[in-house]
Amino acid sequence: MWSALKTEAIILTAEPHREADTRYRALTPRHGKIEFIGRGARKGKAKLSAHLSLYAIVDLEIIRGARQMTVIGVERREAFSGLANSLEHRLLASAAGALLDKTVKPDFEDLDLYEEFLGLLRFLDAVPSLPLTRNTLLLGGFLLRLLRLLGYDLELTSCLSCKDDIVPLSFRWHDGRGGLVCTNCVLKFPQDWFASRAIEEEIVMLLRFARDAAYTDLLRPALKADHVGAFASCVHDLMRTHVPGYTESPYWHLIPAMEPRAIS
């Protein structure tokens, strides 16, 4: 049975399908992640494909068939010219979109997730070129917010075990359980917390800041490459442990130009 769907969407991926078609995946505010086919989108005279550029905000009209969805109408709302003119920012947006695509299941409806990704795109569209370590912090911050929206938020202020407030210089980090445990609980229940490890207070502060601050605020503090490296490793371990579908390759590897200085 055929049915029509009209929705706003952000185009996440576009890949060849059969001889001249394109398969798209897009994030929507009310229908989660959807996949649809653009018939003849790779032909030179295709009218719809010109509006279906990556990370554009579009109004879609889709026919839902028994096996797949096919786009029959599209109008572009916002094209992000700043992203189009910056290779660095396109790489960063591409990495964020790819990670979102890998970790969010189809039909996972979450308006907050849509708004979060849209906010990142608008930020990248407006911001000037940034140092490589700053981009690693930005992408890590997006992933921490993604973890929160997927139900895997970090505990960075209270002990995972006793729930008391964390005291400076008296805590350890546990990737598997997603947060901090106080030293007293580690000593009291060593069998439960044997996998916990030491972590510098500066890295904890960076995790809190990257997750909670506005993207514009992430441009302000001075950064040390070793601190950003430790921060990025924590984010990668959290994603690998808690999010099905996340790649084993560290997230900064999705942006090759960032790698040499971002993690040193």
Protein backbone atom coordinates (compact mmCIF):
# COMPACT_ATOMS: atom_id res chain seq x y z
CA MET A 1 0.00 0.00 0.00
CA TRP A 2 1.34 3.40 -0.98
CA SER A 3 1.37 6.36 1.38
CA ALA A 4 2.81 9.87 1.21
CA LEU A 5 5.15 11.51 3.71
CA LYS A 6 6.07 15.18 3.90
CA THR A 7 8.84 16.20 6.26
CA GLU A 8 11.74 18.53 6.88
CA ALA A 9 15.08 16.69 6.77
CA ILE A 10 18.86 17.00 6.85
CA ILE A 11 20.59 14.90 4.19
CA LEU A 12 23.18 12.63 5.85
CA THR A 13 24.46 10.36 3.09
CA ALA A 14 24.15 9.85 -0.66
CA GLU A 15 25.42 6.73 -2.41
CA PRO A 16 24.96 5.20 -5.88
CA HIS A 17 22.09 2.75 -6.29
CA ARG A 18 21.66 0.62 -9.39
CA GLU A 19 22.45 2.21 -12.73
CA ALA A 20 21.37 5.85 -12.29
CA ASP A 21 19.62 6.12 -8.92
CA THR A 22 20.92 7.42 -5.60
CA ARG A 23 20.14 6.08 -2.15
CA TYR A 24 19.85 8.80 0.48
CA ARG A 25 19.65 8.73 4.25
CA ALA A 26 18.31 11.74 6.08
CA LEU A 27 17.55 12.81 9.64
CA THR A 28 14.08 14.22 10.31
CA PRO A 29 12.59 15.91 13.37
CA ARG A 30 9.47 13.72 13.60
CA HIS A 31 10.27 10.48 11.78
CA GLY A 32 13.84 9.80 12.89
CA LYS A 33 16.34 8.60 10.31
CA ILE A 34 14.82 7.63 6.97
CA GLU A 35 16.19 6.10 3.78
CA PHE A 36 14.82 6.82 0.32
CA ILE A 37 15.66 6.49 -3.37
CA GLY A 38 16.17 9.32 -5.82
CA ARG A 39 15.18 7.92 -9.21
CA GLY A 40 17.61 8.93 -11.94
CA ALA A 41 19.43 11.24 -9.52
CA ARG A 42 22.79 10.59 -11.21
CA LYS A 43 21.57 11.58 -14.64
CA GLY A 44 22.75 14.96 -15.87
CA LYS A 45 19.26 16.43 -16.19
CA ALA A 46 17.91 15.17 -12.86
CA LYS A 47 15.93 17.99 -11.26
CA LEU A 48 15.62 16.73 -7.69
CA SER A 49 19.25 15.77 -7.07
CA ALA A 50 20.48 19.38 -7.24
CA HIS A 51 18.51 20.12 -4.06
CA LEU A 52 19.62 16.98 -2.21
CA SER A 53 23.16 18.07 -1.36
CA LEU A 54 24.73 16.73 1.82
CA TYR A 55 23.80 18.53 5.05
CA ALA A 56 21.25 20.74 3.32
CA ILE A 57 17.96 21.30 5.13
CA VAL A 58 15.16 20.33 2.76
CA ASP A 59 11.42 19.82 2.64
CA LEU A 60 10.84 16.31 1.30
CA GLU A 61 7.82 14.68 -0.24
CA ILE A 62 8.22 10.91 -0.27
CA ILE A 63 6.10 8.00 -1.45
CA ARG A 64 6.36 5.03 0.90
CA GLY A 65 6.02 1.72 -0.93
CA ALA A 66 6.03 -1.87 0.27
CA ARG A 67 9.83 -2.20 0.05
CA GLN A 68 11.29 1.29 -0.11
CA MET A 69 10.62 4.99 -0.14
CA THR A 70 11.06 7.20 -3.20
CA VAL A 71 11.41 10.97 -3.21
CA ILE A 72 8.96 12.77 -5.55
CA GLY A 73 9.46 16.35 -4.41
CA VAL A 74 12.13 18.39 -2.67
CA GLU A 75 12.63 22.04 -1.82
CA ARG A 76 15.85 23.25 -0.25
CA ARG A 77 15.47 25.47 2.81
CA GLU A 78 19.06 26.04 3.85
CA ALA A 79 22.26 25.09 2.03
CA PHE A 80 25.04 26.21 4.44
CA SER A 81 27.29 28.11 2.06
CA GLY A 82 29.97 28.39 4.76
CA LEU A 83 30.27 24.61 4.88
CA ALA A 84 30.34 24.43 1.09
CA ASN A 85 33.32 26.82 0.99
CA SER A 86 35.39 25.21 3.76
CA LEU A 87 36.95 21.78 3.27
CA GLU A 88 37.86 21.64 6.96
CA HIS A 89 34.30 22.26 8.09
CA ARG A 90 32.87 19.86 5.50
CA LEU A 91 35.15 17.15 6.87
CA LEU A 92 34.02 17.88 10.40
CA ALA A 93 30.33 17.88 9.39
CA SER A 94 30.92 14.68 7.40
CA ALA A 95 32.48 12.98 10.43
CA ALA A 96 29.60 14.03 12.70
CA GLY A 97 27.02 12.93 10.12
CA ALA A 98 28.73 9.59 9.53
CA LEU A 99 28.91 8.82 13.25
CA LEU A 100 25.29 9.82 13.70
CA ASP A 101 24.27 7.65 10.76
CA LYS A 102 26.16 4.64 12.17
CA THR A 103 24.78 4.95 15.69
CA VAL A 104 21.16 6.07 15.23
CA LYS A 105 18.71 3.38 14.16
CA PRO A 106 16.04 4.04 11.53
CA ASP A 107 12.77 5.47 12.88
CA PHE A 108 14.47 6.53 16.14
CA GLU A 109 12.42 9.71 16.62
CA ASP A 110 14.10 12.39 18.69
CA LEU A 111 13.51 16.08 18.04
CA ASP A 112 16.36 16.99 20.42
CA LEU A 113 18.78 14.88 18.38
CA TYR A 114 17.69 16.64 15.20
CA GLU A 115 18.09 20.06 16.82
CA GLU A 116 21.52 19.10 18.18
CA PHE A 117 22.86 18.13 14.77
CA LEU A 118 21.25 21.17 13.17
CA GLY A 119 22.89 23.38 15.80
CA LEU A 120 26.30 21.90 15.03
CA LEU A 121 25.85 22.50 11.29
CA ARG A 122 24.80 26.11 11.82
CA PHE A 123 27.75 26.67 14.11
CA LEU A 124 30.21 25.23 11.59
CA ASP A 125 28.61 27.24 8.82
CA ALA A 126 29.35 30.50 10.65
CA VAL A 127 32.65 29.90 12.43
CA PRO A 128 36.05 30.68 10.86
CA SER A 129 38.79 28.10 10.34
CA LEU A 130 39.91 26.47 13.59
CA PRO A 131 43.04 24.72 14.88
CA LEU A 132 43.05 20.95 14.68
CA THR A 133 42.89 20.36 18.43
CA ARG A 134 39.83 22.61 18.64
CA ASN A 135 38.05 20.55 15.98
CA THR A 136 38.76 17.37 17.93
CA LEU A 137 37.20 18.96 21.01
CA LEU A 138 34.15 20.09 19.01
CA LEU A 139 33.52 16.68 17.48
CA GLY A 140 34.07 14.98 20.84
CA GLY A 141 31.60 17.39 22.42
CA PHE A 142 29.01 16.48 19.79
CA LEU A 143 29.52 12.78 20.51
CA LEU A 144 29.09 13.31 24.26
CA ARG A 145 25.78 15.04 23.53
CA LEU A 146 24.86 12.19 21.20
CA LEU A 147 25.59 9.72 24.01
CA ARG A 148 23.30 11.68 26.33
CA LEU A 149 20.47 11.74 23.79
CA LEU A 150 20.85 7.98 23.20
CA GLY A 151 20.53 7.34 26.93
CA TYR A 152 24.21 6.88 27.85
CA ASP A 153 24.93 10.10 29.72
CA LEU A 154 28.10 10.41 31.77
CA GLU A 155 28.20 10.76 35.52
CA LEU A 156 30.79 13.47 36.11
CA THR A 157 29.70 15.08 39.38
CA SER A 158 28.64 12.22 41.68
CA CYS A 159 30.11 8.82 42.47
CA LEU A 160 28.64 6.02 40.36
CA SER A 161 28.56 3.80 43.45
CA CYS A 162 27.67 5.78 46.57
CA LYS A 163 26.18 8.83 44.76
CA ASP A 164 28.10 11.30 46.94
CA ASP A 165 29.58 14.38 45.31
CA ILE A 166 32.96 13.83 43.71
CA VAL A 167 35.80 15.36 45.72
CA PRO A 168 38.80 16.77 43.81
CA LEU A 169 41.77 14.39 43.57
CA SER A 170 39.74 11.54 45.08
CA PHE A 171 38.18 9.70 42.15
CA ARG A 172 38.81 7.29 39.31
CA TRP A 173 37.34 6.83 35.83
CA HIS A 174 35.36 3.84 34.55
CA ASP A 175 34.66 3.62 30.80
CA GLY A 176 32.30 0.67 31.06
CA ARG A 177 30.00 2.34 33.55
CA GLY A 178 30.38 5.79 32.06
CA GLY A 179 31.75 8.10 34.69
CA LEU A 180 33.54 8.66 37.97
CA VAL A 181 33.76 6.58 41.11
CA CYS A 182 35.16 7.90 44.36
CA THR A 183 38.37 6.45 45.78
CA ASN A 184 36.57 5.25 48.92
CA CYS A 185 34.23 3.04 46.88
CA VAL A 186 37.13 1.68 44.82
CA LEU A 187 38.88 0.64 48.05
CA LYS A 188 35.69 -0.66 49.65
CA PHE A 189 34.49 -2.66 46.62
CA PRO A 190 37.63 -3.56 44.65
CA GLN A 191 35.89 -6.44 42.84
CA ASP A 192 33.33 -4.02 41.38
CA TRP A 193 35.77 -1.29 40.33
CA PHE A 194 38.95 -3.14 39.37
CA ALA A 195 38.65 -1.78 35.80
CA SER A 196 38.61 1.85 36.96
CA ARG A 197 41.68 3.94 36.18
CA ALA A 198 43.26 7.20 37.16
CA ILE A 199 42.25 10.31 35.24
CA GLU A 200 43.49 13.87 35.55
CA GLU A 201 41.07 16.44 36.91
CA GLU A 202 41.74 18.62 33.86
CA ILE A 203 40.37 15.87 31.60
CA VAL A 204 37.22 15.54 33.71
CA MET A 205 36.71 19.30 33.47
CA LEU A 206 37.18 19.11 29.71
CA LEU A 207 34.60 16.31 29.43
CA ARG A 208 32.07 18.34 31.42
CA PHE A 209 32.77 21.48 29.44
CA ALA A 210 32.62 19.82 26.01
CA ARG A 211 29.31 18.13 26.82
CA ASP A 212 27.52 21.02 28.50
CA ALA A 213 28.81 24.30 27.04
CA ALA A 214 27.45 26.00 23.93
CA TYR A 215 29.50 25.30 20.81
CA THR A 216 30.55 28.94 20.68
CA ASP A 217 31.94 28.65 24.22
CA LEU A 218 34.14 25.72 23.15
CA LEU A 219 36.20 28.23 21.15
CA ARG A 220 37.33 30.15 24.23
CA PRO A 221 39.61 28.13 26.53
CA ALA A 222 43.26 27.51 25.78
CA LEU A 223 43.90 23.86 24.93
CA LYS A 224 46.84 21.56 25.48
CA ALA A 225 47.34 18.86 22.87
CA ASP A 226 47.94 16.14 25.48
CA HIS A 227 44.74 17.06 27.33
CA VAL A 228 42.71 16.98 24.10
CA GLY A 229 44.30 13.63 23.26
CA ALA A 230 43.28 12.13 26.62
CA PHE A 231 39.81 13.65 26.27
CA ALA A 232 39.39 12.18 22.77
CA SER A 233 40.49 8.73 23.96
CA CYS A 234 37.85 8.83 26.71
CA VAL A 235 35.14 9.77 24.22
CA HIS A 236 36.21 7.00 21.84
CA ASP A 237 36.21 4.40 24.63
CA LEU A 238 32.75 5.51 25.75
CA MET A 239 31.33 5.31 22.23
CA ARG A 240 32.94 1.93 21.59
CA THR A 241 31.60 0.52 24.86
CA HIS A 242 28.08 1.87 24.89
CA VAL A 243 26.87 2.58 21.34
CA PRO A 244 26.08 -0.36 19.02
CA GLY A 245 27.28 0.32 15.50
CA TYR A 246 30.08 2.66 16.48
CA THR A 247 33.28 2.00 14.57
CA GLU A 248 36.34 0.52 16.27
CA SER A 249 38.42 3.20 14.58
CA PRO A 250 38.83 6.33 16.78
CA TYR A 251 36.46 9.08 15.77
CA TRP A 252 39.22 11.53 14.84
CA HIS A 253 40.37 9.13 12.10
CA LEU A 254 37.29 10.19 10.12
CA ILE A 255 39.00 13.53 9.55
CA PRO A 256 42.50 12.62 8.28
CA ALA A 257 43.66 16.24 8.10
CA MET A 258 43.03 16.57 11.83
CA GLU A 259 44.90 13.50 12.99
CA PRO A 260 48.58 14.52 13.23
CA ARG A 261 48.11 17.40 15.67
CA ALA A 262 44.77 16.56 17.22
CA ILE A 263 46.01 13.49 19.05
CA SER A 264 49.63 13.77 20.02
